[in-house]
Amino acid sequence: MKGANSTLDWLIFSDQAPPANLPCNIHFFPDQLQNLAQRIERVAGTKVSITRPYDLCIFRPCYGQVFAEYLRSYDFWGHCDLDVLWGD
């Protein structure tokens, strides 16, 4: 089952459990905040301070490199807040 915005895939990295019955274009990847911080440190080549999830916002411009292994099959990628409304 494809959900709304069926032409897009959504890749969500979270320490929260995914909701039941997700559409097939929404992909949850279980991960912990400290693991995401380590991914960013490898790309940035320096130590980063991430003590709360909101701190991830400042690293959004480098997500293409941080999550490159998940993005290889896509022509483009983007990021957004979860409270953004999307439409056709």
N, C-alpha and C. Protein backbone atom coordinates (compact mmCIF):
# COMPACT_ATOMS: atom_id res chain seq x y z
N MET A 1 0.85 -1.18 0.00
CA MET A 1 0.00 0.00 0.00
C MET A 1 0.90 1.24 0.00
N LYS A 2 0.69 2.10 -0.97
CA LYS A 2 1.38 3.39 -1.00
C LYS A 2 0.49 4.38 -0.26
N GLY A 3 1.14 5.28 0.48
CA GLY A 3 0.40 6.29 1.20
C GLY A 3 0.34 7.59 0.41
N ALA A 4 -0.02 8.65 1.08
CA ALA A 4 -0.02 9.97 0.46
C ALA A 4 1.39 10.28 -0.01
N ASN A 5 1.51 11.13 -1.01
CA ASN A 5 2.81 11.46 -1.60
C ASN A 5 3.51 10.19 -2.06
N SER A 6 2.80 9.38 -2.82
CA SER A 6 3.30 8.07 -3.22
C SER A 6 4.51 8.14 -4.14
N THR A 7 4.84 9.31 -4.67
CA THR A 7 6.01 9.44 -5.53
C THR A 7 7.28 9.69 -4.72
N LEU A 8 7.13 9.79 -3.40
CA LEU A 8 8.26 10.03 -2.51
C LEU A 8 8.45 8.85 -1.57
N ASP A 9 9.69 8.59 -1.23
CA ASP A 9 10.00 7.65 -0.16
C ASP A 9 10.42 8.48 1.05
N TRP A 10 10.01 8.04 2.21
CA TRP A 10 10.35 8.73 3.45
C TRP A 10 11.26 7.81 4.26
N LEU A 11 12.46 8.28 4.57
CA LEU A 11 13.41 7.51 5.38
C LEU A 11 13.47 8.17 6.74
N ILE A 12 13.06 7.46 7.76
CA ILE A 12 12.97 8.03 9.10
C ILE A 12 13.86 7.23 10.04
N PHE A 13 14.83 7.92 10.62
CA PHE A 13 15.75 7.32 11.59
C PHE A 13 15.29 7.76 12.97
N SER A 14 14.99 6.81 13.83
CA SER A 14 14.39 7.18 15.11
C SER A 14 14.62 6.09 16.15
N ASP A 15 14.61 6.52 17.40
CA ASP A 15 14.65 5.55 18.49
C ASP A 15 13.23 5.20 18.95
N GLN A 16 12.23 5.73 18.25
CA GLN A 16 10.84 5.41 18.54
C GLN A 16 10.40 4.23 17.70
N ALA A 17 9.46 3.47 18.19
CA ALA A 17 8.91 2.36 17.42
C ALA A 17 8.08 2.91 16.26
N PRO A 18 8.16 2.28 15.10
CA PRO A 18 7.35 2.77 13.97
C PRO A 18 5.87 2.49 14.22
N PRO A 19 5.02 3.36 13.70
CA PRO A 19 3.58 3.11 13.81
C PRO A 19 3.21 1.82 13.05
N ALA A 20 2.13 1.23 13.45
CA ALA A 20 1.64 0.02 12.77
C ALA A 20 1.10 0.38 11.39
N ASN A 21 1.15 -0.55 10.49
CA ASN A 21 0.54 -0.42 9.16
C ASN A 21 1.07 0.76 8.35
N LEU A 22 2.38 0.92 8.33
CA LEU A 22 2.97 1.99 7.53
C LEU A 22 2.81 1.73 6.04
N PRO A 23 2.58 2.77 5.26
CA PRO A 23 2.59 2.61 3.81
C PRO A 23 3.99 2.16 3.36
N CYS A 24 4.08 1.51 2.23
CA CYS A 24 5.36 0.94 1.78
C CYS A 24 6.39 2.00 1.38
N ASN A 25 5.99 3.26 1.25
CA ASN A 25 6.96 4.30 0.90
C ASN A 25 7.52 5.02 2.14
N ILE A 26 7.19 4.54 3.32
CA ILE A 26 7.75 5.07 4.56
C ILE A 26 8.63 4.00 5.17
N HIS A 27 9.91 4.33 5.36
CA HIS A 27 10.89 3.38 5.85
C HIS A 27 11.47 3.86 7.17
N PHE A 28 11.26 3.08 8.21
CA PHE A 28 11.79 3.40 9.54
C PHE A 28 13.09 2.65 9.76
N PHE A 29 14.08 3.33 10.31
CA PHE A 29 15.36 2.72 10.65
C PHE A 29 15.60 2.96 12.13
N PRO A 30 15.55 1.90 12.93
CA PRO A 30 15.78 2.09 14.36
C PRO A 30 17.23 2.49 14.61
N ASP A 31 17.42 3.52 15.38
CA ASP A 31 18.76 3.99 15.71
C ASP A 31 18.69 4.82 16.99
N GLN A 32 19.81 4.95 17.63
CA GLN A 32 19.91 5.73 18.86
C GLN A 32 20.63 7.05 18.56
N LEU A 33 20.36 8.05 19.36
CA LEU A 33 20.94 9.37 19.17
C LEU A 33 22.46 9.31 19.13
N GLN A 34 23.06 8.54 20.02
CA GLN A 34 24.52 8.48 20.05
C GLN A 34 25.09 7.84 18.77
N ASN A 35 24.36 6.91 18.14
CA ASN A 35 24.80 6.33 16.88
C ASN A 35 24.74 7.36 15.75
N LEU A 36 23.69 8.17 15.75
CA LEU A 36 23.60 9.23 14.74
C LEU A 36 24.73 10.24 14.93
N ALA A 37 25.05 10.55 16.18
CA ALA A 37 26.16 11.47 16.45
C ALA A 37 27.47 10.89 15.91
N GLN A 38 27.69 9.61 16.06
CA GLN A 38 28.90 8.97 15.55
C GLN A 38 28.95 9.01 14.03
N ARG A 39 27.83 8.82 13.37
CA ARG A 39 27.78 8.93 11.91
C ARG A 39 28.21 10.33 11.47
N ILE A 40 27.67 11.34 12.15
CA ILE A 40 28.00 12.73 11.81
C ILE A 40 29.47 13.00 12.07
N GLU A 41 30.00 12.50 13.16
CA GLU A 41 31.42 12.70 13.47
C GLU A 41 32.31 12.10 12.40
N ARG A 42 31.94 10.93 11.87
CA ARG A 42 32.76 10.31 10.82
C ARG A 42 32.79 11.19 9.57
N VAL A 43 31.65 11.76 9.21
CA VAL A 43 31.58 12.62 8.02
C VAL A 43 32.28 13.95 8.28
N ALA A 44 32.04 14.54 9.45
CA ALA A 44 32.61 15.85 9.77
C ALA A 44 34.10 15.77 10.09
N GLY A 45 34.55 14.61 10.52
CA GLY A 45 35.95 14.47 10.87
C GLY A 45 36.32 15.15 12.17
N THR A 46 35.33 15.39 13.01
CA THR A 46 35.56 16.03 14.30
C THR A 46 34.48 15.61 15.28
N LYS A 47 34.73 15.81 16.53
CA LYS A 47 33.76 15.49 17.58
C LYS A 47 32.59 16.49 17.50
N VAL A 48 31.38 16.02 17.69
CA VAL A 48 30.21 16.89 17.73
C VAL A 48 29.48 16.69 19.05
N SER A 49 28.77 17.69 19.47
CA SER A 49 28.02 17.61 20.71
C SER A 49 26.53 17.54 20.40
N ILE A 50 25.97 16.35 20.58
CA ILE A 50 24.53 16.14 20.37
C ILE A 50 24.00 15.52 21.65
N THR A 51 23.29 16.33 22.42
CA THR A 51 22.78 15.86 23.70
C THR A 51 21.27 15.66 23.70
N ARG A 52 20.61 16.17 22.67
CA ARG A 52 19.15 16.04 22.56
C ARG A 52 18.80 15.98 21.08
N PRO A 53 17.71 15.36 20.71
CA PRO A 53 17.35 15.20 19.30
C PRO A 53 17.32 16.51 18.52
N TYR A 54 16.90 17.59 19.15
CA TYR A 54 16.82 18.87 18.44
C TYR A 54 18.18 19.30 17.90
N ASP A 55 19.26 18.87 18.54
CA ASP A 55 20.61 19.24 18.10
C ASP A 55 20.92 18.71 16.69
N LEU A 56 20.20 17.71 16.24
CA LEU A 56 20.44 17.17 14.90
C LEU A 56 20.11 18.18 13.80
N CYS A 57 19.26 19.15 14.09
CA CYS A 57 18.84 20.13 13.08
C CYS A 57 20.02 20.85 12.43
N ILE A 58 21.03 21.17 13.19
CA ILE A 58 22.12 21.96 12.63
C ILE A 58 22.98 21.15 11.66
N PHE A 59 22.81 19.84 11.64
CA PHE A 59 23.61 18.99 10.76
C PHE A 59 22.87 18.58 9.49
N ARG A 60 21.67 19.09 9.28
CA ARG A 60 20.87 18.71 8.11
C ARG A 60 21.60 18.89 6.78
N PRO A 61 22.36 19.95 6.58
CA PRO A 61 23.03 20.11 5.27
C PRO A 61 23.97 18.95 4.93
N CYS A 62 24.46 18.23 5.90
CA CYS A 62 25.39 17.12 5.61
C CYS A 62 24.70 15.76 5.62
N TYR A 63 23.39 15.71 5.71
CA TYR A 63 22.68 14.43 5.75
C TYR A 63 22.93 13.60 4.49
N GLY A 64 23.14 14.23 3.35
CA GLY A 64 23.42 13.48 2.13
C GLY A 64 24.64 12.59 2.27
N GLN A 65 25.66 13.08 2.97
CA GLN A 65 26.85 12.28 3.21
C GLN A 65 26.67 11.36 4.41
N VAL A 66 26.00 11.84 5.43
CA VAL A 66 25.80 11.03 6.64
C VAL A 66 24.99 9.77 6.33
N PHE A 67 24.01 9.89 5.45
CA PHE A 67 23.14 8.77 5.12
C PHE A 67 23.35 8.27 3.68
N ALA A 68 24.54 8.49 3.14
CA ALA A 68 24.83 8.16 1.74
C ALA A 68 24.49 6.71 1.39
N GLU A 69 24.76 5.80 2.29
CA GLU A 69 24.51 4.38 2.00
C GLU A 69 23.02 4.10 1.77
N TYR A 70 22.14 4.91 2.34
CA TYR A 70 20.70 4.74 2.18
C TYR A 70 20.17 5.50 0.96
N LEU A 71 20.95 6.41 0.43
CA LEU A 71 20.48 7.30 -0.63
C LEU A 71 21.01 6.94 -2.01
N ARG A 72 21.85 5.93 -2.11
CA ARG A 72 22.50 5.59 -3.38
C ARG A 72 21.53 5.37 -4.55
N SER A 73 20.40 4.78 -4.29
CA SER A 73 19.47 4.45 -5.37
C SER A 73 18.54 5.61 -5.75
N TYR A 74 18.70 6.75 -5.11
CA TYR A 74 17.82 7.90 -5.38
C TYR A 74 18.52 8.94 -6.25
N ASP A 75 17.75 9.64 -7.06
CA ASP A 75 18.29 10.73 -7.88
C ASP A 75 18.48 12.01 -7.07
N PHE A 76 17.67 12.19 -6.05
CA PHE A 76 17.78 13.38 -5.21
C PHE A 76 17.27 13.06 -3.82
N TRP A 77 17.57 13.93 -2.87
CA TRP A 77 17.12 13.75 -1.49
C TRP A 77 16.83 15.14 -0.93
N GLY A 78 16.12 15.16 0.17
CA GLY A 78 15.84 16.42 0.86
C GLY A 78 15.55 16.11 2.32
N HIS A 79 15.34 17.14 3.08
CA HIS A 79 14.99 16.96 4.49
C HIS A 79 13.90 17.96 4.84
N CYS A 80 13.15 17.64 5.87
CA CYS A 80 12.09 18.53 6.32
C CYS A 80 11.76 18.22 7.77
N ASP A 81 11.02 19.11 8.38
CA ASP A 81 10.50 18.85 9.72
C ASP A 81 9.28 17.95 9.59
N LEU A 82 9.01 17.20 10.63
CA LEU A 82 7.86 16.30 10.59
C LEU A 82 6.53 17.03 10.68
N ASP A 83 6.55 18.31 11.01
CA ASP A 83 5.30 19.05 11.11
C ASP A 83 4.98 19.83 9.84
N VAL A 84 5.66 19.54 8.74
CA VAL A 84 5.39 20.18 7.46
C VAL A 84 4.27 19.43 6.76
N LEU A 85 3.33 20.16 6.17
CA LEU A 85 2.26 19.54 5.40
C LEU A 85 2.71 19.42 3.95
N TRP A 86 2.56 18.25 3.37
CA TRP A 86 2.94 18.02 1.98
C TRP A 86 1.69 17.76 1.16
N GLY A 87 1.69 18.22 -0.05
CA GLY A 87 0.57 17.97 -0.96
C GLY A 87 1.05 17.85 -2.37
N ASP A 88 0.15 17.46 -3.25
CA ASP A 88 0.50 17.35 -4.67
C ASP A 88 0.25 18.68 -5.35
